[in-house]
């Protein structure tokens, strides 16, 4: 089930609707990174010049050049950090389009099932910030664990596999369920979700390809949630509460019991 979901997700990310989300994500990520580059450089120059002027009030001839140098130094430092920043920034931007991506997967791959409900604006913003925090936290923890002898690169996959698997599966489930219900489903299928999260972590570990991670992760977990639901009683109808269940495609109607 996991590898079928992964295969379908890989096919999805090269489809036209996904390419549209990808170009939007990459374009906005580039804008944010360029803005950070110039913003941090300008800030360093603005801070450096007054600081040096107060420190050396009698010798101003070289201060402007020093401020410019400070700006370029900050820009170079940011360039070094791009490898770390590009993943989290693209993740938070891509999270703005995850509902669109999920809707495409649900409509194209599961036409007989109900389409999930997109999050409202405020919960969507909170989810975007949460995704950003998870990616940052996962990478920081993995970086720290890499310093522990005997742990090394396994830490990256274990930490990111758990965190990314949990967050993206709950995102897919919350299109049909309350947050508590989504967490309960994820807990009941924790091993399956974790293995799927490891696949996301493997995707994240490949340079350049990792820019596609949010789209791949969202599609993978939508497929996985749909398939888990089909095996465990069907999907809740969005907006009708947890009691009403809608059978997935190909799922047999429940047998009536005679009284």
C-alpha atoms as a PDB file:
ATOM      1  CA  UNK A   1       0.000   0.000   0.000  1.00  0.00           C
ATOM      2  CA  UNK A   2       2.788   2.437   0.873  1.00  0.00           C
ATOM      3  CA  UNK A   3       4.786   1.827  -2.285  1.00  0.00           C
ATOM      4  CA  UNK A   4       1.671   1.970  -4.457  1.00  0.00           C
ATOM      5  CA  UNK A   5       0.860   5.350  -2.886  1.00  0.00           C
ATOM      6  CA  UNK A   6       4.449   6.507  -3.520  1.00  0.00           C
ATOM      7  CA  UNK A   7       4.331   5.395  -7.148  1.00  0.00           C
ATOM      8  CA  UNK A   8       1.068   7.245  -7.696  1.00  0.00           C
ATOM      9  CA  UNK A   9       2.456  10.354  -5.958  1.00  0.00           C
ATOM     10  CA  UNK A  10       5.530  10.356  -8.216  1.00  0.00           C
ATOM     11  CA  UNK A  11       3.262  10.205 -11.256  1.00  0.00           C
ATOM     12  CA  UNK A  12       1.125  13.014  -9.831  1.00  0.00           C
ATOM     13  CA  UNK A  13       3.940  15.520  -9.352  1.00  0.00           C
ATOM     14  CA  UNK A  14       4.690  15.540 -13.089  1.00  0.00           C
ATOM     15  CA  UNK A  15       1.052  16.198 -14.046  1.00  0.00           C
ATOM     16  CA  UNK A  16       0.064  19.687 -15.321  1.00  0.00           C
ATOM     17  CA  UNK A  17      -1.842  20.759 -12.147  1.00  0.00           C
ATOM     18  CA  UNK A  18       1.152  19.848  -9.995  1.00  0.00           C
ATOM     19  CA  UNK A  19       3.559  21.629 -12.337  1.00  0.00           C
ATOM     20  CA  UNK A  20       1.509  24.793 -11.904  1.00  0.00           C
ATOM     21  CA  UNK A  21       1.845  24.529  -8.107  1.00  0.00           C
ATOM     22  CA  UNK A  22       5.555  23.757  -8.479  1.00  0.00           C
ATOM     23  CA  UNK A  23       6.266  26.857 -10.593  1.00  0.00           C
ATOM     24  CA  UNK A  24       4.326  29.031  -8.163  1.00  0.00           C
ATOM     25  CA  UNK A  25       6.322  27.571  -5.265  1.00  0.00           C
ATOM     26  CA  UNK A  26       9.713  27.973  -6.965  1.00  0.00           C
ATOM     27  CA  UNK A  27       8.893  31.496  -8.145  1.00  0.00           C
ATOM     28  CA  UNK A  28       7.807  32.706  -4.712  1.00  0.00           C
ATOM     29  CA  UNK A  29      10.753  30.928  -3.069  1.00  0.00           C
ATOM     30  CA  UNK A  30      13.164  32.727  -5.408  1.00  0.00           C
ATOM     31  CA  UNK A  31      11.503  36.073  -4.631  1.00  0.00           C
ATOM     32  CA  UNK A  32      11.789  35.447  -0.879  1.00  0.00           C
ATOM     33  CA  UNK A  33      15.451  34.378  -1.109  1.00  0.00           C
ATOM     34  CA  UNK A  34      16.400  37.396  -3.243  1.00  0.00           C
ATOM     35  CA  UNK A  35      14.555  39.685  -0.812  1.00  0.00           C
ATOM     36  CA  UNK A  36      16.414  38.084   2.103  1.00  0.00           C
ATOM     37  CA  UNK A  37      19.730  38.501   0.282  1.00  0.00           C
ATOM     38  CA  UNK A  38      19.307  42.233  -0.296  1.00  0.00           C
ATOM     39  CA  UNK A  39      17.448  42.835   2.969  1.00  0.00           C
ATOM     40  CA  UNK A  40      20.116  41.259   5.163  1.00  0.00           C
ATOM     41  CA  UNK A  41      22.881  42.963   3.189  1.00  0.00           C
ATOM     42  CA  UNK A  42      21.213  46.362   3.568  1.00  0.00           C
ATOM     43  CA  UNK A  43      20.534  45.745   7.257  1.00  0.00           C
ATOM     44  CA  UNK A  44      24.168  44.825   7.875  1.00  0.00           C
ATOM     45  CA  UNK A  45      25.291  48.019   6.145  1.00  0.00           C
ATOM     46  CA  UNK A  46      22.795  50.163   8.066  1.00  0.00           C
ATOM     47  CA  UNK A  47      23.882  48.667  11.382  1.00  0.00           C
ATOM     48  CA  UNK A  48      27.610  48.575  10.613  1.00  0.00           C
ATOM     49  CA  UNK A  49      28.004  52.236   9.580  1.00  0.00           C
ATOM     50  CA  UNK A  50      26.537  53.821  12.768  1.00  0.00           C
ATOM     51  CA  UNK A  51      28.382  51.292  14.926  1.00  0.00           C
ATOM     52  CA  UNK A  52      31.743  52.074  13.305  1.00  0.00           C
ATOM     53  CA  UNK A  53      31.015  55.818  13.356  1.00  0.00           C
ATOM     54  CA  UNK A  54      30.504  55.706  17.118  1.00  0.00           C
ATOM     55  CA  UNK A  55      33.508  53.468  17.609  1.00  0.00           C
ATOM     56  CA  UNK A  56      35.886  55.608  15.500  1.00  0.00           C
ATOM     57  CA  UNK A  57      34.427  59.178  15.471  1.00  0.00           C
ATOM     58  CA  UNK A  58      37.673  60.798  14.264  1.00  0.00           C
ATOM     59  CA  UNK A  59      38.382  58.577  11.276  1.00  0.00           C
ATOM     60  CA  UNK A  60      35.444  58.404   8.848  1.00  0.00           C
ATOM     61  CA  UNK A  61      37.284  57.912   5.562  1.00  0.00           C
ATOM     62  CA  UNK A  62      37.013  54.121   5.500  1.00  0.00           C
ATOM     63  CA  UNK A  63      33.672  53.640   7.278  1.00  0.00           C
ATOM     64  CA  UNK A  64      31.487  53.699   4.141  1.00  0.00           C
ATOM     65  CA  UNK A  65      33.680  51.062   2.534  1.00  0.00           C
ATOM     66  CA  UNK A  66      33.543  48.988   5.708  1.00  0.00           C
ATOM     67  CA  UNK A  67      29.736  49.197   5.757  1.00  0.00           C
ATOM     68  CA  UNK A  68      29.588  48.040   2.143  1.00  0.00           C
ATOM     69  CA  UNK A  69      31.965  45.200   2.949  1.00  0.00           C
ATOM     70  CA  UNK A  70      29.753  44.218   5.882  1.00  0.00           C
ATOM     71  CA  UNK A  71      26.748  44.094   3.549  1.00  0.00           C
ATOM     72  CA  UNK A  72      28.564  41.833   1.094  1.00  0.00           C
ATOM     73  CA  UNK A  73      29.823  39.635   3.943  1.00  0.00           C
ATOM     74  CA  UNK A  74      26.251  39.203   5.177  1.00  0.00           C
ATOM     75  CA  UNK A  75      25.161  38.336   1.633  1.00  0.00           C
ATOM     76  CA  UNK A  76      27.890  35.716   1.333  1.00  0.00           C
ATOM     77  CA  UNK A  77      26.896  34.250   4.694  1.00  0.00           C
ATOM     78  CA  UNK A  78      23.310  34.037   3.489  1.00  0.00           C
ATOM     79  CA  UNK A  79      24.508  32.321   0.302  1.00  0.00           C
ATOM     80  CA  UNK A  80      26.176  29.661   2.450  1.00  0.00           C
ATOM     81  CA  UNK A  81      22.929  29.219   4.372  1.00  0.00           C
ATOM     82  CA  UNK A  82      20.801  28.876   1.225  1.00  0.00           C
ATOM     83  CA  UNK A  83      21.202  25.096   1.239  1.00  0.00           C
ATOM     84  CA  UNK A  84      19.578  25.111   4.668  1.00  0.00           C
ATOM     85  CA  UNK A  85      16.991  27.832   3.993  1.00  0.00           C
ATOM     86  CA  UNK A  86      15.693  26.800   0.594  1.00  0.00           C
ATOM     87  CA  UNK A  87      14.022  23.639   1.900  1.00  0.00           C
ATOM     88  CA  UNK A  88      12.112  25.259   4.794  1.00  0.00           C
ATOM     89  CA  UNK A  89      11.165  28.332   2.742  1.00  0.00           C
ATOM     90  CA  UNK A  90       9.892  26.276  -0.182  1.00  0.00           C
ATOM     91  CA  UNK A  91       8.012  24.061   2.309  1.00  0.00           C
ATOM     92  CA  UNK A  92       6.125  26.941   3.896  1.00  0.00           C
ATOM     93  CA  UNK A  93       5.304  28.459   0.497  1.00  0.00           C
ATOM     94  CA  UNK A  94       4.228  25.107  -0.951  1.00  0.00           C
ATOM     95  CA  UNK A  95       1.958  24.576   2.049  1.00  0.00           C
ATOM     96  CA  UNK A  96      -0.173  27.431   0.700  1.00  0.00           C
ATOM     97  CA  UNK A  97      -1.038  25.223  -2.290  1.00  0.00           C
ATOM     98  CA  UNK A  98      -1.393  21.840  -0.562  1.00  0.00           C
ATOM     99  CA  UNK A  99      -5.189  21.917  -0.521  1.00  0.00           C
ATOM    100  CA  UNK A 100      -5.195  22.511  -4.279  1.00  0.00           C
ATOM    101  CA  UNK A 101      -2.832  19.569  -4.735  1.00  0.00           C
ATOM    102  CA  UNK A 102      -4.914  17.317  -2.465  1.00  0.00           C
ATOM    103  CA  UNK A 103      -8.095  18.216  -4.321  1.00  0.00           C
ATOM    104  CA  UNK A 104      -6.503  17.234  -7.649  1.00  0.00           C
ATOM    105  CA  UNK A 105      -5.410  13.852  -6.272  1.00  0.00           C
ATOM    106  CA  UNK A 106      -8.828  13.177  -4.754  1.00  0.00           C
ATOM    107  CA  UNK A 107     -10.698  14.209  -7.906  1.00  0.00           C
ATOM    108  CA  UNK A 108      -8.474  12.391 -10.408  1.00  0.00           C
ATOM    109  CA  UNK A 109      -7.621   9.204  -8.502  1.00  0.00           C
ATOM    110  CA  UNK A 110     -10.707   8.726  -6.303  1.00  0.00           C
ATOM    111  CA  UNK A 111     -13.685  10.096  -8.262  1.00  0.00           C
ATOM    112  CA  UNK A 112     -16.188   7.848  -6.438  1.00  0.00           C
ATOM    113  CA  UNK A 113     -15.135   9.169  -3.033  1.00  0.00           C
ATOM    114  CA  UNK A 114     -16.184  12.554  -1.645  1.00  0.00           C
ATOM    115  CA  UNK A 115     -13.803  15.460  -2.134  1.00  0.00           C
ATOM    116  CA  UNK A 116     -12.248  16.718   1.073  1.00  0.00           C
ATOM    117  CA  UNK A 117     -12.835  20.152   2.539  1.00  0.00           C
ATOM    118  CA  UNK A 118     -10.075  22.767   2.359  1.00  0.00           C
ATOM    119  CA  UNK A 119      -9.006  24.476   5.560  1.00  0.00           C
ATOM    120  CA  UNK A 120     -10.222  27.946   6.414  1.00  0.00           C
ATOM    121  CA  UNK A 121      -7.749  30.829   6.088  1.00  0.00           C
ATOM    122  CA  UNK A 122      -6.584  31.061   9.707  1.00  0.00           C
ATOM    123  CA  UNK A 123      -6.096  27.294  10.269  1.00  0.00           C
ATOM    124  CA  UNK A 124      -4.343  27.177   6.886  1.00  0.00           C
ATOM    125  CA  UNK A 125      -1.896  29.888   7.963  1.00  0.00           C
ATOM    126  CA  UNK A 126      -1.311  28.074  11.259  1.00  0.00           C
ATOM    127  CA  UNK A 127      -0.663  24.857   9.334  1.00  0.00           C
ATOM    128  CA  UNK A 128       1.834  26.649   7.063  1.00  0.00           C
ATOM    129  CA  UNK A 129       3.746  27.957  10.077  1.00  0.00           C
ATOM    130  CA  UNK A 130       3.594  24.487  11.612  1.00  0.00           C
ATOM    131  CA  UNK A 131       5.080  22.902   8.487  1.00  0.00           C
ATOM    132  CA  UNK A 132       7.857  25.506   8.534  1.00  0.00           C
ATOM    133  CA  UNK A 133       8.591  24.787  12.203  1.00  0.00           C
ATOM    134  CA  UNK A 134       8.600  21.025  11.654  1.00  0.00           C
ATOM    135  CA  UNK A 135      11.093  21.251   8.782  1.00  0.00           C
ATOM    136  CA  UNK A 136      13.363  23.606  10.766  1.00  0.00           C
ATOM    137  CA  UNK A 137      13.127  21.495  13.936  1.00  0.00           C
ATOM    138  CA  UNK A 138      13.694  18.262  12.045  1.00  0.00           C
ATOM    139  CA  UNK A 139      16.808  19.562  10.340  1.00  0.00           C
ATOM    140  CA  UNK A 140      18.214  21.117  13.534  1.00  0.00           C
ATOM    141  CA  UNK A 141      17.674  17.914  15.515  1.00  0.00           C
ATOM    142  CA  UNK A 142      19.183  15.856  12.728  1.00  0.00           C
ATOM    143  CA  UNK A 143      22.165  18.220  12.572  1.00  0.00           C
ATOM    144  CA  UNK A 144      22.738  17.872  16.319  1.00  0.00           C
ATOM    145  CA  UNK A 145      22.351  14.097  16.229  1.00  0.00           C
ATOM    146  CA  UNK A 146      24.851  13.875  13.385  1.00  0.00           C
ATOM    147  CA  UNK A 147      27.478  14.898  15.962  1.00  0.00           C
ATOM    148  CA  UNK A 148      26.667  11.878  18.136  1.00  0.00           C
ATOM    149  CA  UNK A 149      28.972   8.922  17.376  1.00  0.00           C
ATOM    150  CA  UNK A 150      27.125   5.908  16.007  1.00  0.00           C
ATOM    151  CA  UNK A 151      24.018   7.872  15.016  1.00  0.00           C
ATOM    152  CA  UNK A 152      25.228   9.840  12.015  1.00  0.00           C
ATOM    153  CA  UNK A 153      23.026  10.027   8.918  1.00  0.00           C
ATOM    154  CA  UNK A 154      20.361   7.691  10.316  1.00  0.00           C
ATOM    155  CA  UNK A 155      19.276  10.574  12.555  1.00  0.00           C
ATOM    156  CA  UNK A 156      18.280  12.663   9.552  1.00  0.00           C
ATOM    157  CA  UNK A 157      15.971   9.974   8.189  1.00  0.00           C
ATOM    158  CA  UNK A 158      14.474   8.928  11.523  1.00  0.00           C
ATOM    159  CA  UNK A 159      13.719  12.456  12.737  1.00  0.00           C
ATOM    160  CA  UNK A 160      12.440  13.759   9.427  1.00  0.00           C
ATOM    161  CA  UNK A 161      10.591  10.520   8.683  1.00  0.00           C
ATOM    162  CA  UNK A 162       8.632  10.778  11.925  1.00  0.00           C
ATOM    163  CA  UNK A 163       7.914  14.519  11.810  1.00  0.00           C
ATOM    164  CA  UNK A 164       7.109  14.816   8.103  1.00  0.00           C
ATOM    165  CA  UNK A 165       5.077  11.616   8.063  1.00  0.00           C
ATOM    166  CA  UNK A 166       3.002  12.772  11.017  1.00  0.00           C
ATOM    167  CA  UNK A 167       2.313  16.296   9.750  1.00  0.00           C
ATOM    168  CA  UNK A 168       1.511  15.435   6.131  1.00  0.00           C
ATOM    169  CA  UNK A 169      -0.703  12.475   7.028  1.00  0.00           C
ATOM    170  CA  UNK A 170      -2.676  14.569   9.496  1.00  0.00           C
ATOM    171  CA  UNK A 171      -3.040  17.252   6.811  1.00  0.00           C
ATOM    172  CA  UNK A 172      -4.558  14.686   4.407  1.00  0.00           C
ATOM    173  CA  UNK A 173      -6.816  13.240   7.118  1.00  0.00           C
ATOM    174  CA  UNK A 174      -8.047  16.648   8.323  1.00  0.00           C
ATOM    175  CA  UNK A 175      -9.649  17.284   4.940  1.00  0.00           C
ATOM    176  CA  UNK A 176     -12.272  14.768   6.112  1.00  0.00           C
ATOM    177  CA  UNK A 177     -11.897  14.609   9.873  1.00  0.00           C
ATOM    178  CA  UNK A 178     -11.503  16.785  12.932  1.00  0.00           C
ATOM    179  CA  UNK A 179      -7.973  17.287  14.235  1.00  0.00           C
ATOM    180  CA  UNK A 180      -8.530  14.801  17.066  1.00  0.00           C
ATOM    181  CA  UNK A 181      -9.897  12.178  14.657  1.00  0.00           C
ATOM    182  CA  UNK A 182      -6.959  12.721  12.286  1.00  0.00           C
ATOM    183  CA  UNK A 183      -4.486  12.226  15.130  1.00  0.00           C
ATOM    184  CA  UNK A 184      -6.321   9.072  16.227  1.00  0.00           C
ATOM    185  CA  UNK A 185      -6.176   7.578  12.710  1.00  0.00           C
ATOM    186  CA  UNK A 186      -2.499   8.438  12.449  1.00  0.00           C
ATOM    187  CA  UNK A 187      -1.832   6.827  15.842  1.00  0.00           C
ATOM    188  CA  UNK A 188      -3.647   3.604  14.862  1.00  0.00           C
ATOM    189  CA  UNK A 189      -1.565   3.339  11.700  1.00  0.00           C
ATOM    190  CA  UNK A 190       1.628   4.798  13.164  1.00  0.00           C
ATOM    191  CA  UNK A 191       3.970   2.214  11.634  1.00  0.00           C
ATOM    192  CA  UNK A 192       2.562   2.669   8.140  1.00  0.00           C
ATOM    193  CA  UNK A 193       2.689   6.458   8.417  1.00  0.00           C
ATOM    194  CA  UNK A 194       6.272   6.326   9.709  1.00  0.00           C
ATOM    195  CA  UNK A 195       7.474   4.158   6.803  1.00  0.00           C
ATOM    196  CA  UNK A 196       5.778   6.558   4.384  1.00  0.00           C
ATOM    197  CA  UNK A 197       7.511   9.404   6.232  1.00  0.00           C
ATOM    198  CA  UNK A 198      10.858   7.684   5.655  1.00  0.00           C
ATOM    199  CA  UNK A 199      10.150   7.771   1.909  1.00  0.00           C
ATOM    200  CA  UNK A 200       9.524  11.516   2.209  1.00  0.00           C
ATOM    201  CA  UNK A 201      12.812  11.887   4.112  1.00  0.00           C
ATOM    202  CA  UNK A 202      14.636  10.021   1.308  1.00  0.00           C
ATOM    203  CA  UNK A 203      13.078  12.428  -1.181  1.00  0.00           C
ATOM    204  CA  UNK A 204      14.161  15.356   1.010  1.00  0.00           C
ATOM    205  CA  UNK A 205      17.766  14.104   1.035  1.00  0.00           C
ATOM    206  CA  UNK A 206      18.236  14.471  -2.741  1.00  0.00           C
ATOM    207  CA  UNK A 207      19.528  17.945  -3.702  1.00  0.00           C
ATOM    208  CA  UNK A 208      17.354  19.947  -6.132  1.00  0.00           C
ATOM    209  CA  UNK A 209      14.766  17.143  -6.175  1.00  0.00           C
ATOM    210  CA  UNK A 210      14.009  18.054  -2.553  1.00  0.00           C
ATOM    211  CA  UNK A 211      12.259  21.206  -3.781  1.00  0.00           C
ATOM    212  CA  UNK A 212       9.437  18.876  -4.821  1.00  0.00           C
ATOM    213  CA  UNK A 213       9.187  17.373  -1.321  1.00  0.00           C
ATOM    214  CA  UNK A 214       6.017  19.199  -0.155  1.00  0.00           C
ATOM    215  CA  UNK A 215       4.104  18.271  -3.321  1.00  0.00           C
ATOM    216  CA  UNK A 216       5.295  14.653  -3.224  1.00  0.00           C
ATOM    217  CA  UNK A 217       4.560  14.374   0.506  1.00  0.00           C
ATOM    218  CA  UNK A 218       1.058  15.807   0.168  1.00  0.00           C
ATOM    219  CA  UNK A 219       0.178  13.529  -2.764  1.00  0.00           C
ATOM    220  CA  UNK A 220       1.674  10.467  -1.036  1.00  0.00           C
ATOM    221  CA  UNK A 221      -0.282  11.010   2.166  1.00  0.00           C
ATOM    222  CA  UNK A 222      -3.538  11.751   0.348  1.00  0.00           C
ATOM    223  CA  UNK A 223      -3.196   8.427  -1.483  1.00  0.00           C
ATOM    224  CA  UNK A 224      -2.241   6.654   1.745  1.00  0.00           C
ATOM    225  CA  UNK A 225      -5.135   8.134   3.720  1.00  0.00           C
ATOM    226  CA  UNK A 226      -7.617   7.231   1.002  1.00  0.00           C
ATOM    227  CA  UNK A 227      -6.394   3.634   0.932  1.00  0.00           C
ATOM    228  CA  UNK A 228      -6.351   3.272   4.712  1.00  0.00           C
ATOM    229  CA  UNK A 229      -9.890   4.668   4.861  1.00  0.00           C
ATOM    230  CA  UNK A 230     -11.081   2.230   2.167  1.00  0.00           C
ATOM    231  CA  UNK A 231      -9.795  -0.672   4.285  1.00  0.00           C
ATOM    232  CA  UNK A 232     -11.231   0.569   7.564  1.00  0.00           C
ATOM    233  CA  UNK A 233     -14.838   1.525   6.857  1.00  0.00           C
ATOM    234  CA  UNK A 234     -14.703   4.360   4.335  1.00  0.00           C
ATOM    235  CA  UNK A 235     -14.281   8.110   4.504  1.00  0.00           C
ATOM    236  CA  UNK A 236     -16.294  10.465   6.692  1.00  0.00           C
ATOM    237  CA  UNK A 237     -18.453  12.744   4.534  1.00  0.00           C
ATOM    238  CA  UNK A 238     -16.935  16.244   4.909  1.00  0.00           C
ATOM    239  CA  UNK A 239     -19.111  18.414   7.093  1.00  0.00           C
ATOM    240  CA  UNK A 240     -21.432  15.586   8.188  1.00  0.00           C
ATOM    241  CA  UNK A 241     -19.544  14.560  11.296  1.00  0.00           C
ATOM    242  CA  UNK A 242     -17.723  11.337  12.136  1.00  0.00           C
ATOM    243  CA  UNK A 243     -20.803   9.149  12.336  1.00  0.00           C
ATOM    244  CA  UNK A 244     -21.647   9.126   8.636  1.00  0.00           C
ATOM    245  CA  UNK A 245     -19.271   7.110   6.449  1.00  0.00           C
ATOM    246  CA  UNK A 246     -19.025   7.182   2.667  1.00  0.00           C
ATOM    247  CA  UNK A 247     -17.774   4.031   0.984  1.00  0.00           C
ATOM    248  CA  UNK A 248     -14.703   4.324  -1.191  1.00  0.00           C
ATOM    249  CA  UNK A 249     -14.521   3.167  -4.782  1.00  0.00           C
ATOM    250  CA  UNK A 250     -14.934  -0.601  -5.027  1.00  0.00           C
ATOM    251  CA  UNK A 251     -15.879  -1.001  -1.378  1.00  0.00           C
ATOM    252  CA  UNK A 252     -18.765  -3.354  -0.760  1.00  0.00           C
ATOM    253  CA  UNK A 253     -21.875  -2.224   1.065  1.00  0.00           C
ATOM    254  CA  UNK A 254     -22.102  -3.449   4.660  1.00  0.00           C
ATOM    255  CA  UNK A 255     -24.102  -6.625   5.187  1.00  0.00           C
ATOM    256  CA  UNK A 256     -27.507  -6.193   6.788  1.00  0.00           C
ATOM    257  CA  UNK A 257     -28.162  -8.216   9.869  1.00  0.00           C
ATOM    258  CA  UNK A 258     -31.568  -9.767  10.301  1.00  0.00           C
ATOM    259  CA  UNK A 259     -33.232  -9.179  13.620  1.00  0.00           C
END
